[in-house]
Amino acid sequence: MERNVHSFRVIIKKGYSPCLYSYDETKIPVGVFEARLDFKTWSKRIIAINCYFTKIDTGEKFVVTVYCNYTTGKYTLADGAVDFSICPLNENYKINIGRNSKGKSVLISAETRALLSVAK
């Protein structure tokens, strides 16, 4: 599968509006819920991917960051279930967001519909 992460400039040219998504830690929802992954951009300052999600039940739009796993070289969380550099866009994911000791939002886990179907 091919990478589908783009620069901020390309995302704007494609018609996306990153300004509609909250980076504010107090506005990013916490807990386990379903969200659609709308688009992804490369982070400018760190080796990471910014993931732009819309929470399904409320329509809240927010951004969470997935860092490169230096052991594998992939953009995965601890469980390695989803590689965010190639995972599909415009699909729903069951995600779990928490806060670290500094109050920053942290994506703890993510599952695609395909993984959820296999688990049932």
PDB file of N, CA and C in Angstrom:
ATOM      1  N   MET A   1       0.849  -1.180   0.000  1.00  0.00           N
ATOM      2  CA  MET A   1       0.000   0.000   0.000  1.00  0.00           C
ATOM      3  C   MET A   1       0.898   1.248   0.000  1.00  0.00           C
ATOM      4  N   GLU A   2       0.454   2.260  -0.666  1.00  0.00           N
ATOM      5  CA  GLU A   2       1.225   3.481  -0.828  1.00  0.00           C
ATOM      6  C   GLU A   2       0.929   4.484   0.291  1.00  0.00           C
ATOM      7  N   ARG A   3       1.942   5.257   0.631  1.00  0.00           N
ATOM      8  CA  ARG A   3       1.737   6.288   1.662  1.00  0.00           C
ATOM      9  C   ARG A   3       0.742   7.324   1.176  1.00  0.00           C
ATOM     10  N   ASN A   4      -0.121   7.759   2.082  1.00  0.00           N
ATOM     11  CA  ASN A   4      -1.133   8.765   1.745  1.00  0.00           C
ATOM     12  C   ASN A   4      -1.099   9.922   2.743  1.00  0.00           C
ATOM     13  N   VAL A   5       0.100  10.276   3.140  1.00  0.00           N
ATOM     14  CA  VAL A   5       0.332  11.424   4.013  1.00  0.00           C
ATOM     15  C   VAL A   5       0.921  12.520   3.133  1.00  0.00           C
ATOM     16  N   HIS A   6       0.441  13.738   3.300  1.00  0.00           N
ATOM     17  CA  HIS A   6       0.893  14.820   2.433  1.00  0.00           C
ATOM     18  C   HIS A   6       1.407  16.003   3.248  1.00  0.00           C
ATOM     19  N   SER A   7       2.066  16.904   2.563  1.00  0.00           N
ATOM     20  CA  SER A   7       2.498  18.141   3.204  1.00  0.00           C
ATOM     21  C   SER A   7       1.269  19.019   3.425  1.00  0.00           C
ATOM     22  N   PHE A   8       1.417  19.976   4.304  1.00  0.00           N
ATOM     23  CA  PHE A   8       0.341  20.916   4.601  1.00  0.00           C
ATOM     24  C   PHE A   8      -0.090  21.635   3.323  1.00  0.00           C
ATOM     25  N   ARG A   9       0.871  22.029   2.519  1.00  0.00           N
ATOM     26  CA  ARG A   9       0.595  22.763   1.272  1.00  0.00           C
ATOM     27  C   ARG A   9      -0.268  21.918   0.320  1.00  0.00           C
ATOM     28  N   VAL A  10       0.057  20.640   0.171  1.00  0.00           N
ATOM     29  CA  VAL A  10      -0.711  19.756  -0.715  1.00  0.00           C
ATOM     30  C   VAL A  10      -2.129  19.577  -0.199  1.00  0.00           C
ATOM     31  N   ILE A  11      -2.286  19.426   1.108  1.00  0.00           N
ATOM     32  CA  ILE A  11      -3.612  19.259   1.708  1.00  0.00           C
ATOM     33  C   ILE A  11      -4.488  20.479   1.405  1.00  0.00           C
ATOM     34  N   ILE A  12      -3.926  21.669   1.518  1.00  0.00           N
ATOM     35  CA  ILE A  12      -4.672  22.904   1.217  1.00  0.00           C
ATOM     36  C   ILE A  12      -5.080  22.911  -0.258  1.00  0.00           C
ATOM     37  N   LYS A  13      -4.149  22.545  -1.143  1.00  0.00           N
ATOM     38  CA  LYS A  13      -4.450  22.510  -2.582  1.00  0.00           C
ATOM     39  C   LYS A  13      -5.532  21.495  -2.907  1.00  0.00           C
ATOM     40  N   LYS A  14      -5.623  20.424  -2.131  1.00  0.00           N
ATOM     41  CA  LYS A  14      -6.641  19.397  -2.357  1.00  0.00           C
ATOM     42  C   LYS A  14      -8.007  19.822  -1.810  1.00  0.00           C
ATOM     43  N   GLY A  15      -8.066  20.975  -1.144  1.00  0.00           N
ATOM     44  CA  GLY A  15      -9.343  21.503  -0.676  1.00  0.00           C
ATOM     45  C   GLY A  15      -9.695  21.215   0.772  1.00  0.00           C
ATOM     46  N   TYR A  16      -8.776  20.617   1.526  1.00  0.00           N
ATOM     47  CA  TYR A  16      -9.040  20.370   2.943  1.00  0.00           C
ATOM     48  C   TYR A  16      -8.857  21.659   3.743  1.00  0.00           C
ATOM     49  N   SER A  17      -9.484  21.726   4.904  1.00  0.00           N
ATOM     50  CA  SER A  17      -9.407  22.915   5.757  1.00  0.00           C
ATOM     51  C   SER A  17      -8.885  22.542   7.141  1.00  0.00           C
ATOM     52  N   PRO A  18      -7.569  22.443   7.308  1.00  0.00           N
ATOM     53  CA  PRO A  18      -7.011  22.087   8.614  1.00  0.00           C
ATOM     54  C   PRO A  18      -7.415  23.040   9.732  1.00  0.00           C
ATOM     55  N   CYS A  19      -7.743  24.289   9.398  1.00  0.00           N
ATOM     56  CA  CYS A  19      -8.107  25.273  10.422  1.00  0.00           C
ATOM     57  C   CYS A  19      -9.417  24.908  11.128  1.00  0.00           C
ATOM     58  N   LEU A  20     -10.196  23.990  10.568  1.00  0.00           N
ATOM     59  CA  LEU A  20     -11.445  23.568  11.201  1.00  0.00           C
ATOM     60  C   LEU A  20     -11.223  22.547  12.319  1.00  0.00           C
ATOM     61  N   TYR A  21     -10.001  22.041  12.437  1.00  0.00           N
ATOM     62  CA  TYR A  21      -9.673  20.985  13.394  1.00  0.00           C
ATOM     63  C   TYR A  21      -8.932  21.569  14.585  1.00  0.00           C
ATOM     64  N   SER A  22      -9.317  21.146  15.773  1.00  0.00           N
ATOM     65  CA  SER A  22      -8.753  21.701  16.994  1.00  0.00           C
ATOM     66  C   SER A  22      -7.429  21.040  17.376  1.00  0.00           C
ATOM     67  N   TYR A  23      -6.465  21.891  17.698  1.00  0.00           N
ATOM     68  CA  TYR A  23      -5.198  21.456  18.287  1.00  0.00           C
ATOM     69  C   TYR A  23      -5.221  21.698  19.799  1.00  0.00           C
ATOM     70  N   ASP A  24      -6.259  22.375  20.269  1.00  0.00           N
ATOM     71  CA  ASP A  24      -6.397  22.757  21.677  1.00  0.00           C
ATOM     72  C   ASP A  24      -6.628  21.509  22.525  1.00  0.00           C
ATOM     73  N   GLU A  25      -5.707  21.248  23.430  1.00  0.00           N
ATOM     74  CA  GLU A  25      -5.780  20.041  24.274  1.00  0.00           C
ATOM     75  C   GLU A  25      -7.090  19.946  25.049  1.00  0.00           C
ATOM     76  N   THR A  26      -7.654  21.069  25.435  1.00  0.00           N
ATOM     77  CA  THR A  26      -8.894  21.047  26.215  1.00  0.00           C
ATOM     78  C   THR A  26     -10.115  20.702  25.353  1.00  0.00           C
ATOM     79  N   LYS A  27      -9.975  20.794  24.030  1.00  0.00           N
ATOM     80  CA  LYS A  27     -11.090  20.510  23.131  1.00  0.00           C
ATOM     81  C   LYS A  27     -10.980  19.162  22.430  1.00  0.00           C
ATOM     82  N   ILE A  28      -9.863  18.481  22.611  1.00  0.00           N
ATOM     83  CA  ILE A  28      -9.693  17.161  22.011  1.00  0.00           C
ATOM     84  C   ILE A  28     -10.362  16.143  22.925  1.00  0.00           C
ATOM     85  N   PRO A  29     -11.335  15.386  22.388  1.00  0.00           N
ATOM     86  CA  PRO A  29     -12.059  14.431  23.247  1.00  0.00           C
ATOM     87  C   PRO A  29     -11.145  13.329  23.778  1.00  0.00           C
ATOM     88  N   VAL A  30     -11.482  12.834  24.954  1.00  0.00           N
ATOM     89  CA  VAL A  30     -10.714  11.778  25.622  1.00  0.00           C
ATOM     90  C   VAL A  30     -11.616  10.566  25.793  1.00  0.00           C
ATOM     91  N   GLY A  31     -11.020   9.378  25.688  1.00  0.00           N
ATOM     92  CA  GLY A  31     -11.769   8.139  25.883  1.00  0.00           C
ATOM     93  C   GLY A  31     -11.747   7.286  24.634  1.00  0.00           C
ATOM     94  N   VAL A  32     -12.618   6.278  24.631  1.00  0.00           N
ATOM     95  CA  VAL A  32     -12.726   5.348  23.507  1.00  0.00           C
ATOM     96  C   VAL A  32     -13.972   5.716  22.708  1.00  0.00           C
ATOM     97  N   PHE A  33     -13.807   5.925  21.423  1.00  0.00           N
ATOM     98  CA  PHE A  33     -14.935   6.293  20.570  1.00  0.00           C
ATOM     99  C   PHE A  33     -14.585   6.051  19.113  1.00  0.00           C
ATOM    100  N   GLU A  34     -15.593   6.179  18.251  1.00  0.00           N
ATOM    101  CA  GLU A  34     -15.401   6.005  16.826  1.00  0.00           C
ATOM    102  C   GLU A  34     -15.175   7.366  16.183  1.00  0.00           C
ATOM    103  N   ALA A  35     -14.189   7.410  15.281  1.00  0.00           N
ATOM    104  CA  ALA A  35     -13.870   8.657  14.589  1.00  0.00           C
ATOM    105  C   ALA A  35     -13.430   8.340  13.162  1.00  0.00           C
ATOM    106  N   ARG A  36     -13.726   9.270  12.261  1.00  0.00           N
ATOM    107  CA  ARG A  36     -13.318   9.128  10.862  1.00  0.00           C
ATOM    108  C   ARG A  36     -11.980   9.836  10.659  1.00  0.00           C
ATOM    109  N   LEU A  37     -11.051   9.168  10.017  1.00  0.00           N
ATOM    110  CA  LEU A  37      -9.764   9.774   9.684  1.00  0.00           C
ATOM    111  C   LEU A  37      -9.930  10.501   8.356  1.00  0.00           C
ATOM    112  N   ASP A  38      -9.946  11.833   8.415  1.00  0.00           N
ATOM    113  CA  ASP A  38     -10.221  12.644   7.229  1.00  0.00           C
ATOM    114  C   ASP A  38      -9.001  12.838   6.338  1.00  0.00           C
ATOM    115  N   PHE A  39      -7.861  13.174   6.933  1.00  0.00           N
ATOM    116  CA  PHE A  39      -6.619  13.336   6.178  1.00  0.00           C
ATOM    117  C   PHE A  39      -5.452  13.351   7.138  1.00  0.00           C
ATOM    118  N   LYS A  40      -4.234  13.313   6.573  1.00  0.00           N
ATOM    119  CA  LYS A  40      -3.018  13.257   7.386  1.00  0.00           C
ATOM    120  C   LYS A  40      -1.958  14.166   6.774  1.00  0.00           C
ATOM    121  N   THR A  41      -1.170  14.811   7.631  1.00  0.00           N
ATOM    122  CA  THR A  41      -0.059  15.636   7.158  1.00  0.00           C
ATOM    123  C   THR A  41       1.220  15.252   7.892  1.00  0.00           C
ATOM    124  N   TRP A  42       2.336  15.475   7.237  1.00  0.00           N
ATOM    125  CA  TRP A  42       3.622  15.300   7.902  1.00  0.00           C
ATOM    126  C   TRP A  42       3.814  16.456   8.868  1.00  0.00           C
ATOM    127  N   SER A  43       4.321  16.172  10.038  1.00  0.00           N
ATOM    128  CA  SER A  43       4.620  17.214  11.010  1.00  0.00           C
ATOM    129  C   SER A  43       5.840  17.998  10.524  1.00  0.00           C
ATOM    130  N   LYS A  44       5.847  19.281  10.781  1.00  0.00           N
ATOM    131  CA  LYS A  44       6.966  20.122  10.323  1.00  0.00           C
ATOM    132  C   LYS A  44       8.183  20.051  11.241  1.00  0.00           C
ATOM    133  N   ARG A  45       7.960  19.882  12.526  1.00  0.00           N
ATOM    134  CA  ARG A  45       9.064  20.017  13.487  1.00  0.00           C
ATOM    135  C   ARG A  45       9.612  18.697  14.013  1.00  0.00           C
ATOM    136  N   ILE A  46       8.831  17.631  13.915  1.00  0.00           N
ATOM    137  CA  ILE A  46       9.253  16.347  14.466  1.00  0.00           C
ATOM    138  C   ILE A  46       8.947  15.239  13.461  1.00  0.00           C
ATOM    139  N   ILE A  47       9.496  14.072  13.690  1.00  0.00           N
ATOM    140  CA  ILE A  47       9.232  12.943  12.804  1.00  0.00           C
ATOM    141  C   ILE A  47       7.928  12.303  13.271  1.00  0.00           C
ATOM    142  N   ALA A  48       6.837  12.778  12.667  1.00  0.00           N
ATOM    143  CA  ALA A  48       5.508  12.354  13.097  1.00  0.00           C
ATOM    144  C   ALA A  48       4.486  12.677  12.020  1.00  0.00           C
ATOM    145  N   ILE A  49       3.290  12.123  12.204  1.00  0.00           N
ATOM    146  CA  ILE A  49       2.159  12.365  11.317  1.00  0.00           C
ATOM    147  C   ILE A  49       1.033  12.981  12.140  1.00  0.00           C
ATOM    148  N   ASN A  50       0.482  14.082  11.646  1.00  0.00           N
ATOM    149  CA  ASN A  50      -0.684  14.700  12.268  1.00  0.00           C
ATOM    150  C   ASN A  50      -1.926  14.092  11.624  1.00  0.00           C
ATOM    151  N   CYS A  51      -2.788  13.496  12.441  1.00  0.00           N
ATOM    152  CA  CYS A  51      -3.993  12.825  11.961  1.00  0.00           C
ATOM    153  C   CYS A  51      -5.201  13.687  12.287  1.00  0.00           C
ATOM    154  N   TYR A  52      -5.990  14.003  11.277  1.00  0.00           N
ATOM    155  CA  TYR A  52      -7.146  14.870  11.405  1.00  0.00           C
ATOM    156  C   TYR A  52      -8.407  13.998  11.439  1.00  0.00           C
ATOM    157  N   PHE A  53      -9.043  13.938  12.599  1.00  0.00           N
ATOM    158  CA  PHE A  53     -10.193  13.081  12.836  1.00  0.00           C
ATOM    159  C   PHE A  53     -11.465  13.894  13.037  1.00  0.00           C
ATOM    160  N   THR A  54     -12.608  13.257  12.737  1.00  0.00           N
ATOM    161  CA  THR A  54     -13.922  13.780  13.087  1.00  0.00           C
ATOM    162  C   THR A  54     -14.610  12.731  13.943  1.00  0.00           C
ATOM    163  N   LYS A  55     -14.999  13.117  15.154  1.00  0.00           N
ATOM    164  CA  LYS A  55     -15.701  12.197  16.046  1.00  0.00           C
ATOM    165  C   LYS A  55     -17.097  11.948  15.471  1.00  0.00           C
ATOM    166  N   ILE A  56     -17.445  10.679  15.311  1.00  0.00           N
ATOM    167  CA  ILE A  56     -18.677  10.298  14.617  1.00  0.00           C
ATOM    168  C   ILE A  56     -19.934  10.812  15.308  1.00  0.00           C
ATOM    169  N   ASP A  57     -20.071  10.635  16.594  1.00  0.00           N
ATOM    170  CA  ASP A  57     -21.334  10.981  17.264  1.00  0.00           C
ATOM    171  C   ASP A  57     -21.556  12.470  17.493  1.00  0.00           C
ATOM    172  N   THR A  58     -20.486  13.264  17.517  1.00  0.00           N
ATOM    173  CA  THR A  58     -20.645  14.691  17.815  1.00  0.00           C
ATOM    174  C   THR A  58     -20.217  15.623  16.683  1.00  0.00           C
ATOM    175  N   GLY A  59     -19.415  15.095  15.736  1.00  0.00           N
ATOM    176  CA  GLY A  59     -18.901  15.935  14.658  1.00  0.00           C
ATOM    177  C   GLY A  59     -17.692  16.772  15.053  1.00  0.00           C
ATOM    178  N   GLU A  60     -17.202  16.592  16.283  1.00  0.00           N
ATOM    179  CA  GLU A  60     -16.012  17.343  16.719  1.00  0.00           C
ATOM    180  C   GLU A  60     -14.832  17.000  15.813  1.00  0.00           C
ATOM    181  N   LYS A  61     -14.064  18.018  15.445  1.00  0.00           N
ATOM    182  CA  LYS A  61     -12.897  17.845  14.589  1.00  0.00           C
ATOM    183  C   LYS A  61     -11.651  18.159  15.408  1.00  0.00           C
ATOM    184  N   PHE A  62     -10.664  17.275  15.352  1.00  0.00           N
ATOM    185  CA  PHE A  62      -9.463  17.450  16.176  1.00  0.00           C
ATOM    186  C   PHE A  62      -8.267  16.772  15.518  1.00  0.00           C
ATOM    187  N   VAL A  63      -7.106  17.130  16.023  1.00  0.00           N
ATOM    188  CA  VAL A  63      -5.839  16.599  15.499  1.00  0.00           C
ATOM    189  C   VAL A  63      -5.096  15.875  16.611  1.00  0.00           C
ATOM    190  N   VAL A  64      -4.600  14.677  16.302  1.00  0.00           N
ATOM    191  CA  VAL A  64      -3.699  13.973  17.197  1.00  0.00           C
ATOM    192  C   VAL A  64      -2.466  13.559  16.394  1.00  0.00           C
ATOM    193  N   THR A  65      -1.355  13.422  17.082  1.00  0.00           N
ATOM    194  CA  THR A  65      -0.082  13.134  16.436  1.00  0.00           C
ATOM    195  C   THR A  65       0.338  11.699  16.701  1.00  0.00           C
ATOM    196  N   VAL A  66       0.838  11.054  15.655  1.00  0.00           N
ATOM    197  CA  VAL A  66       1.401   9.704  15.767  1.00  0.00           C
ATOM    198  C   VAL A  66       2.888   9.822  15.440  1.00  0.00           C
ATOM    199  N   TYR A  67       3.704   9.366  16.367  1.00  0.00           N
ATOM    200  CA  TYR A  67       5.153   9.481  16.222  1.00  0.00           C
ATOM    201  C   TYR A  67       5.738   8.242  15.557  1.00  0.00           C
ATOM    202  N   CYS A  68       6.879   8.423  14.942  1.00  0.00           N
ATOM    203  CA  CYS A  68       7.580   7.306  14.328  1.00  0.00           C
ATOM    204  C   CYS A  68       8.090   6.366  15.416  1.00  0.00           C
ATOM    205  N   ASN A  69       7.844   5.072  15.240  1.00  0.00           N
ATOM    206  CA  ASN A  69       8.378   4.059  16.136  1.00  0.00           C
ATOM    207  C   ASN A  69       9.795   3.771  15.644  1.00  0.00           C
ATOM    208  N   TYR A  70      10.776   4.240  16.374  1.00  0.00           N
ATOM    209  CA  TYR A  70      12.162   4.145  15.905  1.00  0.00           C
ATOM    210  C   TYR A  70      12.668   2.711  15.805  1.00  0.00           C
ATOM    211  N   THR A  71      12.059   1.799  16.538  1.00  0.00           N
ATOM    212  CA  THR A  71      12.448   0.391  16.471  1.00  0.00           C
ATOM    213  C   THR A  71      12.067  -0.213  15.122  1.00  0.00           C
ATOM    214  N   THR A  72      10.854   0.114  14.648  1.00  0.00           N
ATOM    215  CA  THR A  72      10.361  -0.473  13.398  1.00  0.00           C
ATOM    216  C   THR A  72      10.471   0.471  12.207  1.00  0.00           C
ATOM    217  N   GLY A  73      10.602   1.763  12.470  1.00  0.00           N
ATOM    218  CA  GLY A  73      10.615   2.750  11.395  1.00  0.00           C
ATOM    219  C   GLY A  73       9.229   3.040  10.846  1.00  0.00           C
ATOM    220  N   LYS A  74       8.191   2.543  11.532  1.00  0.00           N
ATOM    221  CA  LYS A  74       6.819   2.748  11.082  1.00  0.00           C
ATOM    222  C   LYS A  74       6.096   3.711  12.017  1.00  0.00           C
ATOM    223  N   TYR A  75       5.008   4.255  11.507  1.00  0.00           N
ATOM    224  CA  TYR A  75       4.198   5.198  12.279  1.00  0.00           C
ATOM    225  C   TYR A  75       3.035   4.433  12.913  1.00  0.00           C
ATOM    226  N   THR A  76       3.373   3.673  13.952  1.00  0.00           N
ATOM    227  CA  THR A  76       2.392   2.836  14.638  1.00  0.00           C
ATOM    228  C   THR A  76       2.361   3.184  16.121  1.00  0.00           C
ATOM    229  N   LEU A  77       1.285   2.749  16.761  1.00  0.00           N
ATOM    230  CA  LEU A  77       1.187   2.875  18.210  1.00  0.00           C
ATOM    231  C   LEU A  77       1.843   1.650  18.823  1.00  0.00           C
ATOM    232  N   ALA A  78       1.786   1.522  20.124  1.00  0.00           N
ATOM    233  CA  ALA A  78       2.473   0.420  20.819  1.00  0.00           C
ATOM    234  C   ALA A  78       2.056  -0.954  20.304  1.00  0.00           C
ATOM    235  N   ASP A  79       0.763  -1.136  20.004  1.00  0.00           N
ATOM    236  CA  ASP A  79       0.306  -2.452  19.547  1.00  0.00           C
ATOM    237  C   ASP A  79       0.647  -2.736  18.086  1.00  0.00           C
ATOM    238  N   GLY A  80       1.018  -1.721  17.327  1.00  0.00           N
ATOM    239  CA  GLY A  80       1.428  -1.888  15.941  1.00  0.00           C
ATOM    240  C   GLY A  80       0.316  -2.279  14.983  1.00  0.00           C
ATOM    241  N   ALA A  81      -0.945  -2.194  15.413  1.00  0.00           N
ATOM    242  CA  ALA A  81      -2.070  -2.647  14.596  1.00  0.00           C
ATOM    243  C   ALA A  81      -2.317  -1.780  13.357  1.00  0.00           C
ATOM    244  N   VAL A  82      -2.092  -0.481  13.461  1.00  0.00           N
ATOM    245  CA  VAL A  82      -2.356   0.430  12.349  1.00  0.00           C
ATOM    246  C   VAL A  82      -1.088   1.207  12.027  1.00  0.00           C
ATOM    247  N   ASP A  83      -0.668   1.157  10.769  1.00  0.00           N
ATOM    248  CA  ASP A  83       0.458   1.973  10.308  1.00  0.00           C
ATOM    249  C   ASP A  83      -0.152   3.239   9.702  1.00  0.00           C
ATOM    250  N   PHE A  84      -0.018   4.349  10.384  1.00  0.00           N
ATOM    251  CA  PHE A  84      -0.660   5.590   9.968  1.00  0.00           C
ATOM    252  C   PHE A  84      -0.057   6.210   8.715  1.00  0.00           C
ATOM    253  N   SER A  85       1.064   5.720   8.243  1.00  0.00           N
ATOM    254  CA  SER A  85       1.616   6.255   7.001  1.00  0.00           C
ATOM    255  C   SER A  85       0.889   5.690   5.779  1.00  0.00           C
ATOM    256  N   ILE A  86       0.197   4.559   5.943  1.00  0.00           N
ATOM    257  CA  ILE A  86      -0.489   3.938   4.808  1.00  0.00           C
ATOM    258  C   ILE A  86      -1.950   3.587   5.073  1.00  0.00           C
ATOM    259  N   CYS A  87      -2.443   3.800   6.275  1.00  0.00           N
ATOM    260  CA  CYS A  87      -3.819   3.399   6.595  1.00  0.00           C
ATOM    261  C   CYS A  87      -4.819   4.222   5.778  1.00  0.00           C
ATOM    262  N   PRO A  88      -5.999   3.641   5.509  1.00  0.00           N
ATOM    263  CA  PRO A  88      -6.981   4.314   4.660  1.00  0.00           C
ATOM    264  C   PRO A  88      -7.555   5.594   5.274  1.00  0.00           C
ATOM    265  N   LEU A  89      -7.881   6.525   4.402  1.00  0.00           N
ATOM    266  CA  LEU A  89      -8.567   7.759   4.782  1.00  0.00           C
ATOM    267  C   LEU A  89     -10.075   7.567   4.622  1.00  0.00           C
ATOM    268  N   ASN A  90     -10.836   8.472   5.205  1.00  0.00           N
ATOM    269  CA  ASN A  90     -12.297   8.473   5.106  1.00  0.00           C
ATOM    270  C   ASN A  90     -12.909   7.161   5.574  1.00  0.00           C
ATOM    271  N   GLU A  91     -12.278   6.538   6.545  1.00  0.00           N
ATOM    272  CA  GLU A  91     -12.812   5.336   7.169  1.00  0.00           C
ATOM    273  C   GLU A  91     -12.925   5.585   8.658  1.00  0.00           C
ATOM    274  N   ASN A  92     -13.809   4.830   9.294  1.00  0.00           N
ATOM    275  CA  ASN A  92     -13.987   4.964  10.728  1.00  0.00           C
ATOM    276  C   ASN A  92     -13.001   4.074  11.475  1.00  0.00           C
ATOM    277  N   TYR A  93     -12.487   4.617  12.561  1.00  0.00           N
ATOM    278  CA  TYR A  93     -11.563   3.912  13.437  1.00  0.00           C
ATOM    279  C   TYR A  93     -12.115   3.970  14.851  1.00  0.00           C
ATOM    280  N   LYS A  94     -11.921   2.926  15.602  1.00  0.00           N
ATOM    281  CA  LYS A  94     -12.212   2.951  17.034  1.00  0.00           C
ATOM    282  C   LYS A  94     -10.907   3.384  17.686  1.00  0.00           C
ATOM    283  N   ILE A  95     -10.918   4.577  18.287  1.00  0.00           N
ATOM    284  CA  ILE A  95      -9.681   5.109  18.858  1.00  0.00           C
ATOM    285  C   ILE A  95      -9.830   5.339  20.358  1.00  0.00           C
ATOM    286  N   ASN A  96      -8.704   5.355  21.024  1.00  0.00           N
ATOM    287  CA  ASN A  96      -8.651   5.644  22.453  1.00  0.00           C
ATOM    288  C   ASN A  96      -7.647   6.770  22.640  1.00  0.00           C
ATOM    289  N   ILE A  97      -8.126   7.901  23.153  1.00  0.00           N
ATOM    290  CA  ILE A  97      -7.263   9.056  23.401  1.00  0.00           C
ATOM    291  C   ILE A  97      -7.202   9.298  24.903  1.00  0.00           C
ATOM    292  N   GLY A  98      -5.993   9.496  25.390  1.00  0.00           N
ATOM    293  CA  GLY A  98      -5.790   9.822  26.799  1.00  0.00           C
ATOM    294  C   GLY A  98      -4.940  11.071  26.918  1.00  0.00           C
ATOM    295  N   ARG A  99      -4.493  11.357  28.112  1.00  0.00           N
ATOM    296  CA  ARG A  99      -3.609  12.502  28.357  1.00  0.00           C
ATOM    297  C   ARG A  99      -2.358  12.000  29.070  1.00  0.00           C
ATOM    298  N   ASN A 100      -1.222  12.574  28.691  1.00  0.00           N
ATOM    299  CA  ASN A 100       0.016  12.217  29.389  1.00  0.00           C
ATOM    300  C   ASN A 100       0.178  13.085  30.634  1.00  0.00           C
ATOM    301  N   SER A 101       1.288  12.949  31.325  1.00  0.00           N
ATOM    302  CA  SER A 101       1.505  13.675  32.579  1.00  0.00           C
ATOM    303  C   SER A 101       1.569  15.197  32.394  1.00  0.00           C
ATOM    304  N   LYS A 102       1.821  15.642  31.165  1.00  0.00           N
ATOM    305  CA  LYS A 102       1.863  17.077  30.876  1.00  0.00           C
ATOM    306  C   LYS A 102       0.521  17.602  30.364  1.00  0.00           C
ATOM    307  N   GLY A 103      -0.487  16.714  30.308  1.00  0.00           N
ATOM    308  CA  GLY A 103      -1.807  17.126  29.849  1.00  0.00           C
ATOM    309  C   GLY A 103      -1.979  17.109  28.342  1.00  0.00           C
ATOM    310  N   LYS A 104      -1.008  16.588  27.623  1.00  0.00           N
ATOM    311  CA  LYS A 104      -1.073  16.510  26.160  1.00  0.00           C
ATOM    312  C   LYS A 104      -1.889  15.295  25.734  1.00  0.00           C
ATOM    313  N   SER A 105      -2.637  15.449  24.656  1.00  0.00           N
ATOM    314  CA  SER A 105      -3.419  14.340  24.118  1.00  0.00           C
ATOM    315  C   SER A 105      -2.502  13.289  23.529  1.00  0.00           C
ATOM    316  N   VAL A 106      -2.834  12.019  23.808  1.00  0.00           N
ATOM    317  CA  VAL A 106      -2.029  10.902  23.324  1.00  0.00           C
ATOM    318  C   VAL A 106      -2.975   9.863  22.726  1.00  0.00           C
ATOM    319  N   LEU A 107      -2.700   9.477  21.498  1.00  0.00           N
ATOM    320  CA  LEU A 107      -3.465   8.405  20.877  1.00  0.00           C
ATOM    321  C   LEU A 107      -2.924   7.093  21.428  1.00  0.00           C
ATOM    322  N   ILE A 108      -3.739   6.394  22.197  1.00  0.00           N
ATOM    323  CA  ILE A 108      -3.313   5.174  22.882  1.00  0.00           C
ATOM    324  C   ILE A 108      -3.498   3.946  22.003  1.00  0.00           C
ATOM    325  N   SER A 109      -4.649   3.873  21.322  1.00  0.00           N
ATOM    326  CA  SER A 109      -4.900   2.736  20.443  1.00  0.00           C
ATOM    327  C   SER A 109      -5.815   3.152  19.303  1.00  0.00           C
ATOM    328  N   ALA A 110      -5.761   2.363  18.242  1.00  0.00           N
ATOM    329  CA  ALA A 110      -6.615   2.593  17.079  1.00  0.00           C
ATOM    330  C   ALA A 110      -6.855   1.265  16.382  1.00  0.00           C
ATOM    331  N   GLU A 111      -8.104   1.064  15.971  1.00  0.00           N
ATOM    332  CA  GLU A 111      -8.474  -0.143  15.238  1.00  0.00           C
ATOM    333  C   GLU A 111      -9.290   0.252  14.023  1.00  0.00           C
ATOM    334  N   THR A 112      -9.014  -0.374  12.899  1.00  0.00           N
ATOM    335  CA  THR A 112      -9.815  -0.150  11.705  1.00  0.00           C
ATOM    336  C   THR A 112     -11.041  -1.037  11.749  1.00  0.00           C
ATOM    337  N   ARG A 113     -11.998  -0.761  10.888  1.00  0.00           N
ATOM    338  CA  ARG A 113     -13.191  -1.610  10.775  1.00  0.00           C
ATOM    339  C   ARG A 113     -12.796  -3.048  10.454  1.00  0.00           C
ATOM    340  N   ALA A 114     -11.789  -3.227   9.614  1.00  0.00           N
ATOM    341  CA  ALA A 114     -11.343  -4.580   9.242  1.00  0.00           C
ATOM    342  C   ALA A 114     -10.876  -5.343  10.482  1.00  0.00           C
ATOM    343  N   LEU A 115     -10.122  -4.680  11.352  1.00  0.00           N
ATOM    344  CA  LEU A 115      -9.666  -5.329  12.581  1.00  0.00           C
ATOM    345  C   LEU A 115     -10.829  -5.598  13.522  1.00  0.00           C
ATOM    346  N   LEU A 116     -11.789  -4.685  13.566  1.00  0.00           N
ATOM    347  CA  LEU A 116     -12.951  -4.879  14.430  1.00  0.00           C
ATOM    348  C   LEU A 116     -13.781  -6.063  13.945  1.00  0.00           C
ATOM    349  N   SER A 117     -13.918  -6.248  12.631  1.00  0.00           N
ATOM    350  CA  SER A 117     -14.683  -7.356  12.076  1.00  0.00           C
ATOM    351  C   SER A 117     -14.037  -8.698  12.404  1.00  0.00           C
ATOM    352  N   VAL A 118     -12.715  -8.761  12.342  1.00  0.00           N
ATOM    353  CA  VAL A 118     -11.992  -9.998  12.631  1.00  0.00           C
ATOM    354  C   VAL A 118     -12.152 -10.365  14.097  1.00  0.00           C
ATOM    355  N   ALA A 119     -12.175  -9.365  14.974  1.00  0.00           N
ATOM    356  CA  ALA A 119     -12.280  -9.610  16.416  1.00  0.00           C
ATOM    357  C   ALA A 119     -13.638 -10.170  16.825  1.00  0.00           C
ATOM    358  N   LYS A 120     -14.672  -9.930  16.035  1.00  0.00           N
ATOM    359  CA  LYS A 120     -16.040 -10.374  16.394  1.00  0.00           C
ATOM    360  C   LYS A 120     -16.252 -11.837  16.158  1.00  0.00           C
TER     361      LYS A 120
END
